[in-house]
Amino acid sequence: MSDPPPPPAERKLHFDSAEQEAFLNLWRTYDRLRILEDELFEKYGLTAQQYNALRLLRGHNPERLPTLAIAQRLVSRAPDITRLIDRLAERGLVDRERPAENRRVVLVGITENGLELLSRLDEPVRECGQKQLGHLDQSDLAELVRLLRLARGPHEEPDSSWTV
C-alpha cells in the first residue's frame, strides 16, 4: 500500500529552472486575477480587450484613432483588431470613418453610448482591481510594477507606450 500524498503545505512543485518557476507563477497569477475581470466584463457583454479599446478611445476623445494605433496600444496583442472594432461598432459603442485623403485608413471614435457604458463601468472596475490586488500595500504594488516592467523590457517594441 502506498503512502498518501503529503498535505498541500508540504508539497513542493518542481520546476526545471528559476525562470520557469517565475514564468509559471506569473501565468498562474494572471489566470487567477483574470477570472475576476472576466466575470465583471461578462455582465456588460464585453471582453477585457474590448474594454481596453474603449478606454483608449475615451482617453483620446474627441479625437479618433487609426485602427492600427489602437492595436499597438492595447494591453495584450489583438491579432484581429478589425473584428474587435466591428463588434464594438455593432453595439453602437464606436463609430468608424475613412478619410477622403486616404481610404485605406480607418479612424475609430467612441460614441456617446460607449462613453456612457464606460462611465457605468468605472466603479465596478475599481472594485475589481481592489479584489485582485487590494491585499498588497502601495510599496508592494510599486515593486511589483517595477519587476514586471523589468521582466518584459527586452520583449517590448521600442515605440511601445508600455516602455515608460
C-alpha atoms as a PDB file:
ATOM      1  CA  MET A   1       0.000   0.000   0.000  1.00  0.00           C
ATOM      2  CA  SER A   2       1.421   3.410  -0.959  1.00  0.00           C
ATOM      3  CA  ASP A   3       1.687   6.399   1.313  1.00  0.00           C
ATOM      4  CA  PRO A   4      -0.983   9.082   0.923  1.00  0.00           C
ATOM      5  CA  PRO A   5       0.155  12.307  -0.775  1.00  0.00           C
ATOM      6  CA  PRO A   6       1.582  14.925   1.571  1.00  0.00           C
ATOM      7  CA  PRO A   7      -0.697  17.761   2.673  1.00  0.00           C
ATOM      8  CA  PRO A   8      -0.641  20.829   0.372  1.00  0.00           C
ATOM      9  CA  ALA A   9       1.688  22.806   2.664  1.00  0.00           C
ATOM     10  CA  GLU A  10       4.327  20.078   2.373  1.00  0.00           C
ATOM     11  CA  ARG A  11       4.107  19.606  -1.402  1.00  0.00           C
ATOM     12  CA  LYS A  12       6.925  21.115  -3.394  1.00  0.00           C
ATOM     13  CA  LEU A  13       6.265  21.942  -7.018  1.00  0.00           C
ATOM     14  CA  HIS A  14       9.088  21.012  -9.340  1.00  0.00           C
ATOM     15  CA  PHE A  15      10.424  23.451 -11.902  1.00  0.00           C
ATOM     16  CA  ASP A  16      13.238  22.951 -14.384  1.00  0.00           C
ATOM     17  CA  SER A  17      14.661  26.421 -13.713  1.00  0.00           C
ATOM     18  CA  ALA A  18      14.122  29.607 -11.737  1.00  0.00           C
ATOM     19  CA  GLU A  19      12.947  31.252 -14.968  1.00  0.00           C
ATOM     20  CA  GLN A  20      10.323  28.546 -15.475  1.00  0.00           C
ATOM     21  CA  GLU A  21       9.147  28.893 -11.877  1.00  0.00           C
ATOM     22  CA  ALA A  22       8.839  32.665 -12.224  1.00  0.00           C
ATOM     23  CA  PHE A  23       7.036  32.420 -15.578  1.00  0.00           C
ATOM     24  CA  LEU A  24       4.596  29.761 -14.428  1.00  0.00           C
ATOM     25  CA  ASN A  25       3.855  31.742 -11.276  1.00  0.00           C
ATOM     26  CA  LEU A  26       3.235  34.811 -13.425  1.00  0.00           C
ATOM     27  CA  TRP A  27       0.934  32.825 -15.709  1.00  0.00           C
ATOM     28  CA  ARG A  28      -0.951  31.304 -12.762  1.00  0.00           C
ATOM     29  CA  THR A  29      -1.347  34.745 -11.168  1.00  0.00           C
ATOM     30  CA  TYR A  30      -2.673  36.209 -14.418  1.00  0.00           C
ATOM     31  CA  ASP A  31      -5.158  33.356 -14.693  1.00  0.00           C
ATOM     32  CA  ARG A  32      -6.442  33.815 -11.119  1.00  0.00           C
ATOM     33  CA  LEU A  33      -6.785  37.597 -11.497  1.00  0.00           C
ATOM     34  CA  ARG A  34      -8.321  37.387 -14.974  1.00  0.00           C
ATOM     35  CA  ILE A  35     -11.211  35.265 -13.667  1.00  0.00           C
ATOM     36  CA  LEU A  36     -12.455  38.236 -11.621  1.00  0.00           C
ATOM     37  CA  GLU A  37     -12.116  40.570 -14.599  1.00  0.00           C
ATOM     38  CA  ASP A  38     -13.865  38.162 -16.974  1.00  0.00           C
ATOM     39  CA  GLU A  39     -16.803  37.830 -14.574  1.00  0.00           C
ATOM     40  CA  LEU A  40     -17.160  41.608 -14.441  1.00  0.00           C
ATOM     41  CA  PHE A  41     -16.961  42.290 -18.176  1.00  0.00           C
ATOM     42  CA  GLU A  42     -19.235  39.352 -18.998  1.00  0.00           C
ATOM     43  CA  LYS A  43     -22.052  41.154 -17.142  1.00  0.00           C
ATOM     44  CA  TYR A  44     -21.706  44.006 -19.640  1.00  0.00           C
ATOM     45  CA  GLY A  45     -21.250  41.822 -22.731  1.00  0.00           C
ATOM     46  CA  LEU A  46     -17.626  42.852 -23.174  1.00  0.00           C
ATOM     47  CA  THR A  47     -14.245  41.217 -23.276  1.00  0.00           C
ATOM     48  CA  ALA A  48     -11.255  42.688 -21.469  1.00  0.00           C
ATOM     49  CA  GLN A  49      -9.749  43.667 -24.833  1.00  0.00           C
ATOM     50  CA  GLN A  50     -12.942  45.432 -25.915  1.00  0.00           C
ATOM     51  CA  TYR A  51     -12.982  47.326 -22.628  1.00  0.00           C
ATOM     52  CA  ASN A  52      -9.326  48.237 -23.106  1.00  0.00           C
ATOM     53  CA  ALA A  53     -10.044  49.568 -26.630  1.00  0.00           C
ATOM     54  CA  LEU A  54     -12.947  51.664 -25.322  1.00  0.00           C
ATOM     55  CA  ARG A  55     -10.744  53.109 -22.560  1.00  0.00           C
ATOM     56  CA  LEU A  56      -8.088  54.060 -25.116  1.00  0.00           C
ATOM     57  CA  LEU A  57     -10.680  55.770 -27.261  1.00  0.00           C
ATOM     58  CA  ARG A  58     -12.156  57.624 -24.274  1.00  0.00           C
ATOM     59  CA  GLY A  59      -8.666  58.867 -23.431  1.00  0.00           C
ATOM     60  CA  HIS A  60      -8.333  60.388 -26.910  1.00  0.00           C
ATOM     61  CA  ASN A  61     -11.914  61.608 -27.256  1.00  0.00           C
ATOM     62  CA  PRO A  62     -12.972  63.621 -29.241  1.00  0.00           C
ATOM     63  CA  GLU A  63     -10.069  62.602 -31.500  1.00  0.00           C
ATOM     64  CA  ARG A  64     -10.308  59.413 -33.494  1.00  0.00           C
ATOM     65  CA  LEU A  65      -7.533  56.841 -33.621  1.00  0.00           C
ATOM     66  CA  PRO A  66      -6.436  54.728 -36.566  1.00  0.00           C
ATOM     67  CA  THR A  67      -7.261  51.062 -36.095  1.00  0.00           C
ATOM     68  CA  LEU A  68      -3.581  50.097 -36.100  1.00  0.00           C
ATOM     69  CA  ALA A  69      -2.781  52.670 -33.387  1.00  0.00           C
ATOM     70  CA  ILE A  70      -5.444  51.077 -31.200  1.00  0.00           C
ATOM     71  CA  ALA A  71      -3.962  47.614 -31.807  1.00  0.00           C
ATOM     72  CA  GLN A  72      -0.465  48.845 -30.855  1.00  0.00           C
ATOM     73  CA  ARG A  73      -1.646  50.433 -27.597  1.00  0.00           C
ATOM     74  CA  LEU A  74      -3.758  47.575 -26.258  1.00  0.00           C
ATOM     75  CA  VAL A  75      -2.513  45.834 -23.137  1.00  0.00           C
ATOM     76  CA  SER A  76      -2.437  42.476 -24.925  1.00  0.00           C
ATOM     77  CA  ARG A  77      -1.896  41.740 -28.596  1.00  0.00           C
ATOM     78  CA  ALA A  78      -5.044  41.739 -30.738  1.00  0.00           C
ATOM     79  CA  PRO A  79      -4.397  39.711 -33.890  1.00  0.00           C
ATOM     80  CA  ASP A  80      -7.831  40.616 -35.272  1.00  0.00           C
ATOM     81  CA  ILE A  81      -8.359  44.245 -34.331  1.00  0.00           C
ATOM     82  CA  THR A  82     -10.845  44.651 -37.194  1.00  0.00           C
ATOM     83  CA  ARG A  83     -13.212  42.084 -35.711  1.00  0.00           C
ATOM     84  CA  LEU A  84     -12.834  43.615 -32.239  1.00  0.00           C
ATOM     85  CA  ILE A  85     -13.794  47.061 -33.624  1.00  0.00           C
ATOM     86  CA  ASP A  86     -16.612  45.510 -35.701  1.00  0.00           C
ATOM     87  CA  ARG A  87     -18.195  44.050 -32.555  1.00  0.00           C
ATOM     88  CA  LEU A  88     -17.994  47.366 -30.725  1.00  0.00           C
ATOM     89  CA  ALA A  89     -19.458  49.175 -33.748  1.00  0.00           C
ATOM     90  CA  GLU A  90     -22.337  46.662 -33.998  1.00  0.00           C
ATOM     91  CA  ARG A  91     -23.269  47.609 -30.426  1.00  0.00           C
ATOM     92  CA  GLY A  92     -23.038  51.323 -31.208  1.00  0.00           C
ATOM     93  CA  LEU A  93     -20.115  51.839 -28.826  1.00  0.00           C
ATOM     94  CA  VAL A  94     -17.720  53.119 -31.501  1.00  0.00           C
ATOM     95  CA  ASP A  95     -18.016  54.535 -34.973  1.00  0.00           C
ATOM     96  CA  ARG A  96     -15.630  54.500 -37.906  1.00  0.00           C
ATOM     97  CA  GLU A  97     -14.767  56.765 -40.771  1.00  0.00           C
ATOM     98  CA  ARG A  98     -12.417  56.610 -43.736  1.00  0.00           C
ATOM     99  CA  PRO A  99     -10.764  59.930 -44.517  1.00  0.00           C
ATOM    100  CA  ALA A 100     -11.217  61.019 -48.128  1.00  0.00           C
ATOM    101  CA  GLU A 101      -7.461  61.655 -48.486  1.00  0.00           C
ATOM    102  CA  ASN A 102      -6.564  58.062 -47.508  1.00  0.00           C
ATOM    103  CA  ARG A 103      -9.326  55.493 -47.879  1.00  0.00           C
ATOM    104  CA  ARG A 104      -7.079  52.704 -46.550  1.00  0.00           C
ATOM    105  CA  VAL A 105      -7.031  54.228 -43.060  1.00  0.00           C
ATOM    106  CA  VAL A 106      -9.944  53.596 -40.707  1.00  0.00           C
ATOM    107  CA  LEU A 107     -10.362  56.124 -37.910  1.00  0.00           C
ATOM    108  CA  VAL A 108     -12.275  54.955 -34.853  1.00  0.00           C
ATOM    109  CA  GLY A 109     -14.011  57.114 -32.278  1.00  0.00           C
ATOM    110  CA  ILE A 110     -16.026  56.352 -29.165  1.00  0.00           C
ATOM    111  CA  THR A 111     -19.738  57.160 -29.246  1.00  0.00           C
ATOM    112  CA  GLU A 112     -21.946  58.601 -26.510  1.00  0.00           C
ATOM    113  CA  ASN A 113     -23.162  55.031 -25.864  1.00  0.00           C
ATOM    114  CA  GLY A 114     -19.565  53.917 -25.424  1.00  0.00           C
ATOM    115  CA  LEU A 115     -18.827  56.788 -23.047  1.00  0.00           C
ATOM    116  CA  GLU A 116     -21.931  56.020 -21.028  1.00  0.00           C
ATOM    117  CA  LEU A 117     -21.028  52.325 -20.749  1.00  0.00           C
ATOM    118  CA  LEU A 118     -17.516  53.191 -19.561  1.00  0.00           C
ATOM    119  CA  SER A 119     -18.949  55.608 -17.040  1.00  0.00           C
ATOM    120  CA  ARG A 120     -21.131  52.817 -15.631  1.00  0.00           C
ATOM    121  CA  LEU A 121     -18.069  50.533 -15.525  1.00  0.00           C
ATOM    122  CA  ASP A 122     -15.705  52.948 -13.781  1.00  0.00           C
ATOM    123  CA  GLU A 123     -16.656  51.996 -10.224  1.00  0.00           C
ATOM    124  CA  PRO A 124     -17.044  48.224 -10.821  1.00  0.00           C
ATOM    125  CA  VAL A 125     -13.600  48.184 -12.488  1.00  0.00           C
ATOM    126  CA  ARG A 126     -12.059  49.969  -9.477  1.00  0.00           C
ATOM    127  CA  GLU A 127     -13.736  47.428  -7.184  1.00  0.00           C
ATOM    128  CA  CYS A 128     -12.415  44.573  -9.331  1.00  0.00           C
ATOM    129  CA  GLY A 129      -8.874  45.951  -9.067  1.00  0.00           C
ATOM    130  CA  GLN A 130      -9.327  46.137  -5.301  1.00  0.00           C
ATOM    131  CA  LYS A 131     -10.418  42.472  -5.220  1.00  0.00           C
ATOM    132  CA  GLN A 132      -7.493  41.495  -7.424  1.00  0.00           C
ATOM    133  CA  LEU A 133      -4.649  43.333  -5.722  1.00  0.00           C
ATOM    134  CA  GLY A 134      -6.072  45.307  -2.800  1.00  0.00           C
ATOM    135  CA  HIS A 135      -4.367  42.987  -0.326  1.00  0.00           C
ATOM    136  CA  LEU A 136      -0.973  44.425  -1.355  1.00  0.00           C
ATOM    137  CA  ASP A 137       0.234  47.707   0.141  1.00  0.00           C
ATOM    138  CA  GLN A 138       1.453  50.613  -2.005  1.00  0.00           C
ATOM    139  CA  SER A 139       5.144  49.722  -1.728  1.00  0.00           C
ATOM    140  CA  ASP A 140       4.431  46.098  -2.726  1.00  0.00           C
ATOM    141  CA  LEU A 141       2.410  47.311  -5.726  1.00  0.00           C
ATOM    142  CA  ALA A 142       5.184  49.694  -6.794  1.00  0.00           C
ATOM    143  CA  GLU A 143       7.759  46.885  -6.504  1.00  0.00           C
ATOM    144  CA  LEU A 144       5.534  44.507  -8.458  1.00  0.00           C
ATOM    145  CA  VAL A 145       5.123  47.060 -11.257  1.00  0.00           C
ATOM    146  CA  ARG A 146       8.880  47.695 -11.284  1.00  0.00           C
ATOM    147  CA  LEU A 147       9.679  43.990 -11.544  1.00  0.00           C
ATOM    148  CA  LEU A 148       7.075  43.383 -14.259  1.00  0.00           C
ATOM    149  CA  ARG A 149       8.460  46.263 -16.349  1.00  0.00           C
ATOM    150  CA  LEU A 150      11.960  44.880 -15.866  1.00  0.00           C
ATOM    151  CA  ALA A 151      10.850  41.366 -16.893  1.00  0.00           C
ATOM    152  CA  ARG A 152       9.129  42.442 -20.101  1.00  0.00           C
ATOM    153  CA  GLY A 153      11.537  45.239 -21.053  1.00  0.00           C
ATOM    154  CA  PRO A 154      13.655  43.280 -23.563  1.00  0.00           C
ATOM    155  CA  HIS A 155      10.496  41.997 -25.235  1.00  0.00           C
ATOM    156  CA  GLU A 156       8.673  45.315 -25.743  1.00  0.00           C
ATOM    157  CA  GLU A 157       8.655  47.099 -29.072  1.00  0.00           C
ATOM    158  CA  PRO A 158      10.900  50.179 -28.878  1.00  0.00           C
ATOM    159  CA  ASP A 159       7.979  52.537 -29.599  1.00  0.00           C
ATOM    160  CA  SER A 160       5.563  50.821 -27.196  1.00  0.00           C
ATOM    161  CA  SER A 161       3.609  53.070 -24.846  1.00  0.00           C
ATOM    162  CA  TRP A 162       4.387  50.424 -22.189  1.00  0.00           C
ATOM    163  CA  THR A 163       8.127  51.166 -22.151  1.00  0.00           C
ATOM    164  CA  VAL A 164       7.682  54.041 -19.720  1.00  0.00           C
END
